[in-house]
């Protein structure tokens, strides 16, 4: 993923986390049994999805970084040889 794609996915994950937090909080403000079960279940699912997106982006960037650094070093070496 390019940097802008990573940032886009991180923004989506952040929005989903806030949405999940809002749903879970709402279930405490309106404590009818059905709504509490519904909102907490949906909030947990959305929160889990948010965390999975975050972890995928972090792991992908961590695995991509060494190859990106080696490519930059090769470019610098080629630039110094031609100069």
N, C-alpha and C. Protein backbone atom coordinates (compact mmCIF):
# COMPACT_ATOMS: atom_id res chain seq x y z
N UNK A 1 0.84 -1.18 0.00
CA UNK A 1 0.00 0.00 0.00
C UNK A 1 0.88 1.24 0.00
N UNK A 2 0.45 2.20 -0.71
CA UNK A 2 1.16 3.47 -0.67
C UNK A 2 0.79 4.20 0.60
N UNK A 3 1.51 5.23 0.89
CA UNK A 3 1.30 5.97 2.13
C UNK A 3 -0.11 6.55 2.21
N UNK A 4 -0.63 7.09 1.11
CA UNK A 4 -1.97 7.68 1.15
C UNK A 4 -3.02 6.62 1.34
N UNK A 5 -2.78 5.42 0.81
CA UNK A 5 -3.74 4.34 1.03
C UNK A 5 -3.74 3.92 2.49
N UNK A 6 -2.57 3.86 3.08
CA UNK A 6 -2.47 3.51 4.50
C UNK A 6 -3.21 4.53 5.35
N UNK A 7 -3.02 5.79 5.03
CA UNK A 7 -3.69 6.85 5.80
C UNK A 7 -5.20 6.77 5.62
N UNK A 8 -5.65 6.46 4.43
CA UNK A 8 -7.09 6.33 4.18
C UNK A 8 -7.67 5.19 5.01
N UNK A 9 -6.99 4.05 5.00
CA UNK A 9 -7.49 2.91 5.79
C UNK A 9 -7.43 3.20 7.29
N UNK A 10 -6.42 3.93 7.73
CA UNK A 10 -6.35 4.29 9.15
C UNK A 10 -7.48 5.25 9.52
N UNK A 11 -7.84 6.14 8.63
CA UNK A 11 -8.98 7.03 8.90
C UNK A 11 -10.28 6.25 8.97
N UNK A 12 -10.44 5.28 8.09
CA UNK A 12 -11.63 4.44 8.13
C UNK A 12 -11.68 3.66 9.44
N UNK A 13 -10.55 3.11 9.85
CA UNK A 13 -10.50 2.36 11.11
C UNK A 13 -10.82 3.27 12.29
N UNK A 14 -10.33 4.49 12.27
CA UNK A 14 -10.62 5.44 13.35
C UNK A 14 -12.10 5.79 13.40
N UNK A 15 -12.69 6.03 12.23
CA UNK A 15 -14.12 6.34 12.19
C UNK A 15 -14.94 5.17 12.71
N UNK A 16 -14.59 3.95 12.30
CA UNK A 16 -15.33 2.78 12.76
C UNK A 16 -15.19 2.59 14.27
N UNK A 17 -14.00 2.86 14.80
CA UNK A 17 -13.81 2.74 16.25
C UNK A 17 -14.68 3.75 17.00
N UNK A 18 -14.76 4.97 16.49
CA UNK A 18 -15.61 5.97 17.13
C UNK A 18 -17.09 5.60 17.02
N UNK A 19 -17.49 5.05 15.88
CA UNK A 19 -18.86 4.60 15.71
C UNK A 19 -19.19 3.49 16.70
N UNK A 20 -18.29 2.54 16.85
CA UNK A 20 -18.49 1.44 17.80
C UNK A 20 -18.59 1.97 19.23
N UNK A 21 -17.73 2.91 19.56
CA UNK A 21 -17.77 3.50 20.90
C UNK A 21 -19.09 4.22 21.14
N UNK A 22 -19.57 4.92 20.12
CA UNK A 22 -20.86 5.60 20.24
C UNK A 22 -22.02 4.63 20.44
N UNK A 23 -22.01 3.53 19.71
CA UNK A 23 -23.07 2.54 19.86
C UNK A 23 -23.05 1.90 21.25
N UNK A 24 -21.88 1.57 21.72
CA UNK A 24 -21.77 0.95 23.04
C UNK A 24 -22.19 1.94 24.13
N UNK A 25 -21.81 3.20 23.98
CA UNK A 25 -22.21 4.21 24.96
C UNK A 25 -23.72 4.44 24.92
N UNK A 26 -24.28 4.45 23.73
CA UNK A 26 -25.71 4.65 23.59
C UNK A 26 -26.49 3.54 24.30
N UNK A 27 -25.95 2.33 24.26
CA UNK A 27 -26.65 1.22 24.92
C UNK A 27 -26.71 1.43 26.43
N UNK A 28 -25.77 2.16 27.00
CA UNK A 28 -25.82 2.46 28.43
C UNK A 28 -26.76 3.63 28.73
N UNK A 29 -26.92 4.53 27.78
CA UNK A 29 -27.81 5.67 28.00
C UNK A 29 -29.27 5.30 27.83
N UNK A 30 -29.56 4.29 27.02
CA UNK A 30 -30.92 3.81 26.83
C UNK A 30 -30.92 2.31 27.16
N UNK A 31 -31.01 1.96 28.45
CA UNK A 31 -30.74 0.58 28.87
C UNK A 31 -31.90 -0.41 28.74
N UNK A 32 -32.67 -0.33 27.68
CA UNK A 32 -33.66 -1.38 27.48
C UNK A 32 -32.92 -2.65 27.05
N UNK A 33 -33.35 -3.80 27.50
CA UNK A 33 -32.58 -5.03 27.28
C UNK A 33 -32.31 -5.34 25.80
N UNK A 34 -33.30 -5.21 24.95
CA UNK A 34 -33.10 -5.53 23.54
C UNK A 34 -32.09 -4.59 22.89
N UNK A 35 -32.25 -3.27 23.12
CA UNK A 35 -31.33 -2.31 22.52
C UNK A 35 -29.92 -2.47 23.07
N UNK A 36 -29.80 -2.79 24.35
CA UNK A 36 -28.47 -2.97 24.92
C UNK A 36 -27.75 -4.14 24.26
N UNK A 37 -28.46 -5.26 24.11
CA UNK A 37 -27.84 -6.42 23.46
C UNK A 37 -27.50 -6.11 22.00
N UNK A 38 -28.42 -5.46 21.30
CA UNK A 38 -28.21 -5.14 19.89
C UNK A 38 -27.03 -4.18 19.71
N UNK A 39 -27.05 -3.05 20.42
CA UNK A 39 -26.01 -2.05 20.22
C UNK A 39 -24.64 -2.54 20.69
N UNK A 40 -24.61 -3.30 21.78
CA UNK A 40 -23.31 -3.80 22.24
C UNK A 40 -22.76 -4.85 21.29
N UNK A 41 -23.63 -5.68 20.72
CA UNK A 41 -23.16 -6.69 19.76
C UNK A 41 -22.67 -6.05 18.47
N UNK A 42 -23.46 -5.13 17.95
CA UNK A 42 -23.06 -4.43 16.72
C UNK A 42 -21.80 -3.60 16.97
N UNK A 43 -21.75 -2.92 18.11
CA UNK A 43 -20.57 -2.12 18.46
C UNK A 43 -19.32 -2.97 18.57
N UNK A 44 -19.46 -4.15 19.16
CA UNK A 44 -18.31 -5.04 19.28
C UNK A 44 -17.85 -5.52 17.90
N UNK A 45 -18.78 -5.83 17.03
CA UNK A 45 -18.42 -6.26 15.67
C UNK A 45 -17.71 -5.16 14.90
N UNK A 46 -18.25 -3.94 14.99
CA UNK A 46 -17.62 -2.82 14.28
C UNK A 46 -16.26 -2.50 14.89
N UNK A 47 -16.15 -2.56 16.20
CA UNK A 47 -14.86 -2.32 16.87
C UNK A 47 -13.82 -3.36 16.48
N UNK A 48 -14.24 -4.61 16.37
CA UNK A 48 -13.33 -5.68 15.96
C UNK A 48 -12.86 -5.46 14.52
N UNK A 49 -13.78 -5.07 13.64
CA UNK A 49 -13.42 -4.77 12.26
C UNK A 49 -12.41 -3.61 12.21
N UNK A 50 -12.64 -2.61 13.02
CA UNK A 50 -11.73 -1.46 13.08
C UNK A 50 -10.33 -1.89 13.50
N UNK A 51 -10.27 -2.72 14.51
CA UNK A 51 -8.96 -3.18 15.00
C UNK A 51 -8.27 -4.04 13.96
N UNK A 52 -9.01 -4.87 13.26
CA UNK A 52 -8.40 -5.71 12.23
C UNK A 52 -7.85 -4.87 11.07
N UNK A 53 -8.58 -3.84 10.66
CA UNK A 53 -8.07 -2.95 9.62
C UNK A 53 -6.78 -2.28 10.07
N UNK A 54 -6.78 -1.80 11.31
CA UNK A 54 -5.59 -1.16 11.87
C UNK A 54 -4.40 -2.12 11.86
N UNK A 55 -4.61 -3.35 12.33
CA UNK A 55 -3.52 -4.31 12.39
C UNK A 55 -3.00 -4.68 11.00
N UNK A 56 -3.89 -4.81 10.04
CA UNK A 56 -3.46 -5.12 8.67
C UNK A 56 -2.59 -4.00 8.12
N UNK A 57 -2.98 -2.77 8.33
CA UNK A 57 -2.20 -1.63 7.83
C UNK A 57 -0.83 -1.58 8.52
N UNK A 58 -0.80 -1.76 9.83
CA UNK A 58 0.47 -1.70 10.56
C UNK A 58 1.40 -2.83 10.12
N UNK A 59 0.88 -4.04 10.03
CA UNK A 59 1.71 -5.17 9.62
C UNK A 59 2.19 -5.00 8.19
N UNK A 60 1.31 -4.54 7.32
CA UNK A 60 1.70 -4.33 5.92
C UNK A 60 2.80 -3.27 5.82
N UNK A 61 2.65 -2.18 6.53
CA UNK A 61 3.68 -1.14 6.49
C UNK A 61 4.98 -1.61 7.12
N UNK A 62 4.90 -2.43 8.17
CA UNK A 62 6.11 -2.94 8.80
C UNK A 62 6.85 -3.89 7.87
N UNK A 63 6.12 -4.70 7.12
CA UNK A 63 6.76 -5.62 6.18
C UNK A 63 7.26 -4.89 4.94
N UNK A 64 6.60 -3.81 4.56
CA UNK A 64 6.97 -3.07 3.37
C UNK A 64 8.17 -2.15 3.61
N UNK A 65 8.30 -1.68 4.83
CA UNK A 65 9.35 -0.70 5.14
C UNK A 65 10.75 -1.20 4.81
N UNK A 66 11.17 -2.44 5.18
CA UNK A 66 12.54 -2.86 4.83
C UNK A 66 12.78 -2.84 3.32
N UNK A 67 11.84 -3.29 2.51
CA UNK A 67 12.05 -3.28 1.07
C UNK A 67 12.08 -1.84 0.54
N UNK A 68 11.30 -0.96 1.14
CA UNK A 68 11.29 0.43 0.73
C UNK A 68 12.64 1.08 1.06
N UNK A 69 13.19 0.76 2.25
CA UNK A 69 14.47 1.32 2.64
C UNK A 69 15.60 0.80 1.75
N UNK A 70 15.58 -0.49 1.43
CA UNK A 70 16.64 -1.03 0.57
C UNK A 70 16.55 -0.42 -0.83
N UNK A 71 15.35 -0.17 -1.34
CA UNK A 71 15.21 0.45 -2.65
C UNK A 71 15.75 1.87 -2.63
N UNK A 72 15.50 2.60 -1.54
CA UNK A 72 16.03 3.97 -1.43
C UNK A 72 17.55 3.95 -1.36
N UNK A 73 18.12 2.99 -0.64
CA UNK A 73 19.58 2.90 -0.54
C UNK A 73 20.19 2.58 -1.90
N UNK A 74 19.56 1.70 -2.66
CA UNK A 74 20.06 1.37 -4.00
C UNK A 74 20.00 2.61 -4.90
N UNK A 75 18.96 3.39 -4.80
CA UNK A 75 18.85 4.61 -5.60
C UNK A 75 19.93 5.60 -5.23
N UNK A 76 20.23 5.71 -3.94
CA UNK A 76 21.29 6.63 -3.50
C UNK A 76 22.65 6.16 -4.00
N UNK A 77 22.89 4.84 -3.95
CA UNK A 77 24.16 4.30 -4.42
C UNK A 77 24.32 4.53 -5.92
N UNK A 78 23.26 4.33 -6.68
CA UNK A 78 23.33 4.55 -8.13
C UNK A 78 23.53 6.03 -8.43
N UNK A 79 22.93 6.89 -7.64
CA UNK A 79 23.11 8.33 -7.83
C UNK A 79 24.52 8.76 -7.53
N UNK A 80 25.16 8.16 -6.52
CA UNK A 80 26.52 8.55 -6.17
C UNK A 80 27.52 8.00 -7.18
N UNK A 81 27.20 6.87 -7.82
CA UNK A 81 28.09 6.32 -8.83
C UNK A 81 28.09 7.14 -10.10
N UNK A 82 26.94 7.71 -10.45
CA UNK A 82 26.84 8.50 -11.68
C UNK A 82 27.39 9.90 -11.49
N UNK A 83 27.45 10.37 -10.26
CA UNK A 83 27.92 11.74 -10.04
C UNK A 83 29.42 11.83 -9.98
